[in-house]
Protein backbone atom coordinates (compact mmCIF):
# COMPACT_ATOMS: atom_id res chain seq x y z
CA MET A 1 -94.48 34.56 122.03
CA ARG A 2 -95.40 34.77 118.35
CA ALA A 3 -97.61 37.83 118.96
CA SER A 4 -94.77 39.55 120.87
CA VAL A 5 -92.35 38.96 117.99
CA ILE A 6 -94.84 40.41 115.50
CA ILE A 7 -95.44 43.50 117.66
CA ILE A 8 -91.70 44.09 118.09
CA ALA A 9 -91.19 43.69 114.34
CA VAL A 10 -94.01 46.15 113.57
CA PHE A 11 -92.60 48.78 115.93
CA ALA A 12 -89.08 48.21 114.55
CA PHE A 13 -90.48 48.83 111.07
CA GLY A 14 -92.17 52.01 112.32
CA LEU A 15 -88.96 53.24 113.91
CA LEU A 16 -86.85 52.60 110.81
CA PHE A 17 -89.51 54.27 108.66
CA ARG A 18 -89.26 57.39 110.84
CA LEU A 19 -85.47 57.43 111.06
CA TYR A 20 -84.92 57.13 107.30
CA PRO A 21 -82.95 58.79 105.68
CA GLY A 22 -81.31 60.00 108.90
CA LEU A 23 -81.78 62.67 111.55
CA ASP A 24 -79.49 65.04 109.63
CA HIS A 25 -82.20 65.27 106.92
CA MET A 26 -84.79 66.86 109.23
CA LEU A 27 -86.49 70.13 108.31
CA PHE A 28 -84.77 73.02 110.09
CA MET A 29 -86.09 76.50 109.34
CA TYR A 30 -86.92 79.73 111.17
CA ASP A 31 -89.50 78.16 113.51
CA GLN A 32 -87.10 75.46 114.66
CA ALA A 33 -84.31 77.99 115.26
CA ARG A 34 -86.69 80.29 117.19
CA ASP A 35 -87.95 77.45 119.39
CA LEU A 36 -84.47 76.12 120.18
CA PHE A 37 -83.31 79.64 121.02
CA ALA A 38 -86.23 79.94 123.48
CA ALA A 39 -85.29 76.55 124.97
CA GLU A 40 -81.69 77.74 125.37
CA SER A 41 -83.00 80.78 127.25
CA ILE A 42 -84.86 78.49 129.66
CA ARG A 43 -81.65 76.58 130.37
CA THR A 44 -79.98 79.85 131.35
CA GLY A 45 -82.79 80.75 133.76
CA ASP A 46 -85.10 82.85 131.55
CA LEU A 47 -88.36 80.98 132.14
CA LYS A 48 -91.10 81.30 129.53
CA LEU A 49 -94.78 81.99 130.15
CA VAL A 50 -95.90 81.76 126.53
CA GLY A 51 -94.98 79.39 123.75
CA PRO A 52 -94.63 79.75 119.98
CA PRO A 53 -96.82 82.47 118.41
CA THR A 54 -100.05 81.60 116.62
CA ASP A 55 -101.22 83.31 113.43
CA ILE A 56 -103.35 85.60 115.61
CA HIS A 57 -101.46 88.67 116.78
CA GLY A 58 -100.99 88.61 120.56
CA LEU A 59 -102.04 84.96 120.97
CA PHE A 60 -99.51 82.23 121.74
CA HIS A 61 -99.49 78.48 122.15
CA GLY A 62 -98.61 77.11 125.56
CA PRO A 63 -94.98 77.20 126.77
CA LEU A 64 -94.79 73.46 127.47
CA TYR A 65 -93.18 72.81 124.08
CA TYR A 66 -90.27 75.11 125.00
CA TYR A 67 -89.79 73.22 128.27
CA PHE A 68 -89.90 69.95 126.34
CA LEU A 69 -87.01 71.20 124.17
CA ALA A 70 -85.00 72.67 127.06
CA PRO A 71 -83.09 69.49 128.09
CA PHE A 72 -81.74 68.91 124.56
CA ASN A 73 -78.50 70.48 123.38
CA ASN A 74 -79.06 69.73 119.71
CA PRO A 75 -82.09 69.36 117.39
CA GLU A 76 -81.20 65.79 116.37
CA THR A 77 -81.71 64.50 119.92
CA ALA A 78 -84.96 66.44 120.25
CA VAL A 79 -86.40 65.06 117.01
CA LEU A 80 -85.39 61.53 118.06
CA VAL A 81 -87.51 61.93 121.21
CA VAL A 82 -90.40 63.28 119.09
CA ILE A 83 -90.07 60.16 116.92
CA LEU A 84 -90.20 57.89 119.98
CA LEU A 85 -93.27 59.71 121.36
CA ASN A 86 -94.92 59.40 117.97
CA LEU A 87 -94.24 55.65 118.02
CA LEU A 88 -95.66 55.32 121.53
CA ALA A 89 -98.87 57.04 120.36
CA ALA A 90 -99.69 53.81 118.52
CA ILE A 91 -100.09 51.99 121.86
CA PRO A 92 -103.22 53.88 123.09
CA LEU A 93 -104.67 53.43 119.60
CA GLY A 94 -104.06 49.69 119.77
CA ILE A 95 -105.64 49.49 123.24
CA LEU A 96 -108.65 51.48 122.02
CA VAL A 97 -109.26 49.09 119.11
CA GLN A 98 -108.77 46.08 121.40
CA LYS A 99 -111.37 47.47 123.83
CA VAL A 100 -113.88 48.04 121.01
CA PHE A 101 -113.55 44.76 119.08
CA ASN A 102 -111.69 42.44 121.47
CA LYS A 103 -109.61 41.24 118.49
CA LYS A 104 -105.84 41.23 118.91
CA TRP A 105 -105.19 40.92 115.19
CA LEU A 106 -107.33 44.00 114.52
CA SER A 107 -105.46 45.94 117.21
CA LEU A 108 -102.23 45.00 115.42
CA VAL A 109 -103.71 46.19 112.11
CA ALA A 110 -104.53 49.56 113.71
CA ILE A 111 -100.99 49.90 115.05
CA PHE A 112 -99.50 48.98 111.68
CA LEU A 113 -101.71 51.48 109.81
CA PHE A 114 -100.65 54.19 112.25
CA LEU A 115 -96.95 53.36 111.99
CA ALA A 116 -97.13 53.20 108.18
CA SER A 117 -99.22 56.37 107.77
CA PHE A 118 -97.51 59.05 105.69
CA GLU A 119 -99.10 61.72 107.87
CA MET A 120 -97.95 60.19 111.16
CA VAL A 121 -94.42 59.66 109.84
CA SER A 122 -94.31 63.27 108.64
CA TYR A 123 -95.31 64.59 112.07
CA ALA A 124 -92.74 62.31 113.72
CA ARG A 125 -89.89 63.96 111.80
CA TRP A 126 -91.16 67.53 112.27
CA LEU A 127 -89.56 69.37 115.18
CA SER A 128 -92.51 71.64 115.92
CA ASN A 129 -95.20 72.00 118.57
CA PRO A 130 -98.04 70.47 116.45
CA ALA A 131 -96.08 67.20 116.23
CA LEU A 132 -96.62 66.57 119.95
CA VAL A 133 -100.39 66.77 119.50
CA ILE A 134 -100.25 63.24 118.04
CA PRO A 135 -99.29 61.44 121.30
CA ALA A 136 -101.49 63.83 123.29
CA ILE A 137 -104.63 63.22 121.24
CA SER A 138 -104.08 59.46 121.37
CA LEU A 139 -104.34 59.72 125.18
CA TRP A 140 -107.48 61.86 124.83
CA LEU A 141 -109.12 59.33 122.50
CA LEU A 142 -108.27 56.41 124.78
CA GLY A 143 -109.64 58.34 127.75
CA LEU A 144 -112.94 58.84 125.92
CA ARG A 145 -113.21 55.13 125.12
CA LEU A 146 -112.32 54.05 128.67
CA LYS A 147 -114.57 56.77 130.18
CA ASN A 148 -111.51 57.83 132.16
CA LEU A 149 -111.98 61.50 133.03
CA PRO A 150 -108.43 62.19 134.32
CA LEU A 151 -106.95 60.70 131.13
CA ILE A 152 -109.34 62.80 129.02
CA ALA A 153 -108.25 65.91 130.95
CA LEU A 154 -104.56 65.05 130.55
CA GLY A 155 -104.84 64.47 126.79
CA LEU A 156 -107.02 67.55 126.29
CA GLY A 157 -104.74 69.83 128.29
CA LEU A 158 -101.63 68.62 126.45
CA CYS A 159 -103.33 69.08 123.06
CA ILE A 160 -104.19 72.71 123.84
CA GLN A 161 -100.73 73.39 125.27
CA PHE A 162 -99.06 72.24 122.07
CA GLN A 163 -101.63 73.71 119.65
CA PHE A 164 -104.05 76.34 120.90
CA PHE A 165 -106.74 75.78 118.29
CA MET A 166 -107.27 72.30 119.75
CA VAL A 167 -109.66 74.10 122.15
CA TYR A 168 -112.31 72.79 119.75
CA LEU A 169 -111.87 69.45 121.56
CA ILE A 170 -113.39 71.00 124.72
CA PRO A 171 -117.03 70.93 123.53
CA LEU A 172 -116.47 67.46 122.06
CA SER A 173 -115.13 66.29 125.43
CA VAL A 174 -118.04 67.81 127.35
CA LEU A 175 -120.66 66.33 125.02
CA TYR A 176 -119.07 62.89 125.20
CA CYS A 177 -118.64 62.97 128.98
CA LEU A 178 -122.36 63.73 129.39
CA LYS A 179 -122.94 60.12 128.32
CA PHE A 180 -121.43 58.67 131.49
CA LYS A 181 -121.28 59.50 135.17
CA PRO A 182 -118.14 61.56 135.81
CA VAL A 183 -115.73 59.92 138.24
CA LYS A 184 -112.78 61.79 139.80
CA LEU A 185 -114.19 65.09 138.50
CA LEU A 186 -112.17 67.27 140.89
CA GLN A 187 -108.92 65.45 140.06
CA SER A 188 -109.63 65.85 136.35
CA LEU A 189 -110.39 69.57 136.68
CA LEU A 190 -107.15 70.04 138.61
CA ILE A 191 -105.17 68.28 135.86
CA LEU A 192 -106.82 70.37 133.14
CA GLY A 193 -106.52 73.57 135.18
CA LEU A 194 -102.82 72.97 135.80
CA LEU A 195 -102.12 72.38 132.11
CA LEU A 196 -104.08 75.46 131.04
CA SER A 197 -102.97 77.75 133.89
CA SER A 198 -100.14 79.23 131.80
CA PHE A 199 -102.72 80.80 129.47
CA LEU A 200 -104.54 82.49 132.38
CA ILE A 201 -101.30 83.73 133.98
CA ALA A 202 -100.08 85.06 130.61
CA GLU A 203 -103.37 86.92 130.05
CA LEU A 204 -103.12 88.56 133.46
CA LYS A 205 -99.45 89.49 133.01
CA PHE A 206 -99.76 90.79 129.45
CA LYS A 207 -103.04 92.68 129.99
CA PHE A 208 -105.30 90.22 128.12
CA GLN A 209 -103.48 90.60 124.81
CA GLY A 210 -104.51 87.09 123.76
CA ILE A 211 -108.21 87.75 124.35
CA ILE A 212 -107.94 91.11 122.59
CA GLY A 213 -106.17 89.40 119.70
CA LEU A 214 -108.93 86.79 119.46
CA ILE A 215 -111.68 89.42 119.50
CA THR A 216 -109.89 91.44 116.82
CA PHE A 217 -109.36 88.31 114.74
CA PHE A 218 -112.99 87.18 114.89
CA THR A 219 -114.25 90.71 114.25
CA HIS A 220 -112.06 90.94 111.15
CA GLN A 221 -112.95 87.39 110.03
CA ASN A 222 -116.67 88.02 110.23
CA GLY A 223 -116.62 91.70 109.31
CA THR A 224 -117.98 91.03 105.83
CA GLY A 225 -120.35 88.27 106.91
CA PHE A 226 -120.11 84.61 107.84
CA GLU A 227 -119.20 82.73 104.66
CA LEU A 228 -120.48 79.25 105.43
CA LEU A 229 -119.83 77.83 101.95
CA ARG A 230 -116.19 78.96 102.07
CA ARG A 231 -115.73 77.34 105.48
CA LEU A 232 -117.41 74.15 104.33
CA SER A 233 -115.11 74.12 101.30
CA HIS A 234 -112.05 74.37 103.56
CA TYR A 235 -113.46 71.67 105.82
CA PHE A 236 -113.91 69.21 102.96
CA GLU A 237 -110.48 70.12 101.62
CA SER A 238 -109.04 69.26 105.03
CA LEU A 239 -110.92 65.93 105.05
CA GLN A 240 -109.58 65.12 101.58
CA THR A 241 -106.05 65.81 102.81
CA LEU A 242 -106.58 63.60 105.87
CA PHE A 243 -107.82 60.65 103.80
CA THR A 244 -105.11 61.09 101.17
CA ASN A 245 -102.21 61.32 103.62
CA ASN A 246 -103.37 58.29 105.60
CA LEU A 247 -104.53 56.00 102.78
CA PHE A 248 -102.70 56.52 99.47
CA PRO A 249 -100.62 59.73 99.51
CA SER A 250 -98.86 59.14 96.18
CA ILE A 251 -102.09 59.20 94.13
CA PRO A 252 -104.89 61.32 95.69
CA ALA A 253 -107.50 60.04 93.21
CA ILE A 254 -106.94 56.45 94.36
CA ALA A 255 -107.06 57.62 97.98
CA MET A 256 -110.50 59.13 97.36
CA VAL A 257 -111.76 55.88 95.83
CA ILE A 258 -110.47 53.93 98.85
CA ALA A 259 -112.01 56.55 101.16
CA ALA A 260 -115.39 56.08 99.47
CA ILE A 261 -115.16 52.29 99.91
CA ILE A 262 -114.22 52.71 103.58
CA ILE A 263 -117.09 55.11 104.24
CA VAL A 264 -119.61 52.83 102.50
CA LEU A 265 -118.41 49.82 104.52
CA ASN A 266 -118.69 51.82 107.76
CA ILE A 267 -122.22 52.92 106.92
CA TYR A 268 -123.08 49.29 106.09
CA GLY A 269 -121.79 48.20 109.51
CA LEU A 270 -123.32 51.09 111.48
CA LYS A 271 -126.24 49.07 112.87
CA LYS A 272 -124.09 46.21 114.12
CA PHE A 273 -121.04 48.24 115.23
CA ARG A 274 -122.67 51.47 116.30
CA PHE A 275 -119.96 52.80 118.63
CA SER A 276 -116.93 51.83 116.55
CA VAL A 277 -118.43 53.48 113.45
CA ALA A 278 -120.01 56.53 115.08
CA PHE A 279 -116.93 57.41 117.14
CA PRO A 280 -114.52 58.33 114.28
CA PHE A 281 -117.34 59.85 112.21
CA LEU A 282 -118.22 62.17 115.11
CA LEU A 283 -114.54 63.12 115.50
CA LEU A 284 -114.33 64.13 111.84
CA LEU A 285 -117.64 65.97 112.11
CA GLY A 286 -116.39 67.78 115.22
CA HIS A 287 -113.33 68.86 113.24
CA PHE A 288 -115.67 71.33 111.49
CA LEU A 289 -115.60 73.39 114.70
CA VAL A 290 -112.11 74.55 113.67
CA PHE A 291 -113.57 76.11 110.52
CA LEU A 292 -116.39 77.73 112.47
CA MET A 293 -113.67 79.55 114.41
CA SER A 294 -111.60 80.43 111.34
CA ASP A 295 -111.85 80.11 107.56
CA THR A 296 -108.09 79.93 107.07
CA MET A 297 -106.27 76.78 105.94
CA HIS A 298 -103.01 75.32 107.22
CA ILE A 299 -101.25 72.09 106.36
CA PHE A 300 -101.49 71.00 110.02
CA ILE A 301 -105.05 72.18 110.73
CA GLY A 302 -106.20 68.56 110.85
CA VAL A 303 -103.45 67.45 113.21
CA GLY A 304 -104.52 64.34 115.12
CA MET A 305 -107.65 63.74 113.04
CA GLY A 306 -105.76 61.24 110.89
CA ILE A 307 -106.34 58.79 113.74
CA ALA A 308 -110.08 59.01 113.01
CA VAL A 309 -109.35 58.00 109.41
CA ILE A 310 -107.28 55.05 110.68
CA LEU A 311 -110.15 53.99 112.96
CA LEU A 312 -112.60 54.11 110.04
CA THR A 313 -110.15 52.01 108.02
CA VAL A 314 -109.89 49.43 110.81
CA ASN A 315 -113.69 49.29 110.97
CA ALA A 316 -113.90 48.75 107.20
CA ILE A 317 -111.31 45.95 107.25
CA TYR A 318 -113.12 44.14 110.06
CA ILE A 319 -116.60 44.57 108.52
CA LEU A 320 -115.24 43.32 105.19
CA SER A 321 -113.48 40.38 106.86
CA LEU A 322 -116.83 39.11 108.13
CA LYS A 323 -117.92 38.69 104.49
CA SER A 324 -114.61 37.87 102.80
CA LYS A 325 -111.23 37.58 104.49
CA VAL A 326 -109.53 37.69 101.08
CA LEU A 327 -111.10 41.06 100.21
CA ALA A 328 -110.19 42.40 103.66
CA VAL A 329 -106.54 41.40 103.12
CA ILE A 330 -106.57 43.00 99.65
CA LEU A 331 -107.90 46.28 101.09
CA PHE A 332 -105.23 46.21 103.80
CA LEU A 333 -102.44 45.54 101.27
CA ILE A 334 -103.61 48.33 98.94
CA ILE A 335 -103.51 50.86 101.78
CA THR A 336 -100.15 49.76 103.13
C-alpha cells in the first residue's frame, strides 16, 4: 500500500512537472504547423506515405507520426498525449532496473530520475516526431534486457519510424541479440518489416529518391576526407549535453563533476555488476555510430540516450549505497 502511494505520488509529480506552466505555453513553430496540416489532410482522405522531411534532401522520416496526430483536432490535445506517453516510458525503465538489481527502491529511484530529468520533460512538451522516440526506445531497451525479440523489433521499428537516423540501433540490436538464442524470430521480423515497410514502398513509388539522397549526402560529407577528430568532437559534445541535461542542467560545470563521479563509481563496480554497468556504457558508445554516418550536430541527435545516463546514475547510487547510504542519498538529492 505504501509503495503504491509513493509510485502514484511520483507519477503525479512527473505529470505536474510536464504540464507546467500550461499547454498553451507549448512551442508552436513551422514544423508543428506543417505536421498538423499533414494530419488534417489524412483526416480528409489524403493518406501519407512519407513523414516529416529529414535534413537530407529526398529522405523522410516515417509517416507514423502524421497518423498519430490525425485523430487530434488541436495541438493542445496532441501534446497532452505526448506527455502521457512520455510518462509511461518510465515504466519500462523501472521494470528494467528491477530485473537487473531486484531492488524496488532502486526501480523507484530510476523512475523518479526519469520523471525529473530536464531532457525528458523537454521532449514531453515538444510536439515533434523525435519526442515519440522516448517511449519507443524505452520498449527497445526493456526488450534487450528481457531478451524479448518481438519487443526489441517493436521498439526498434517505432524508433526508426519517428526518427530515421535511429537506424544506428539496428547493428546494436543485432550484436546484442547474438548473445542469446532468438525466439519468435519470424514474428519479430514481421513486426519490424511492417513498421519499416513504408520506407520501402516510398522508395519504390518515388524512384529511390531517399537512397539517392543518402548517397549524395555521404558523397558530399566525405568528399574532402573522413574527419575523424571532428566527428569525435561532436560525439563528446553530444555526451556532454546528455549528462548536463539529465544531471544538473542549470550549471554545466557541476553536471560534468557529477558525471565524472558517476563514471568512476560505475568503473569501480564493473567487476561486481558487469551487466548493469556495461549496458549503458555500450549504449553511449554505440551512439558514436550516428557521428560515423554524419558529422552534423542537432539538439536532438542524442534523443533517447539520456536513459543510458539515468541508468549509469542508478548504478552509481546503488554502488555508493553499499558503502555509505548517506553519501548515496546526498548524490541523489544533488541530482534531483
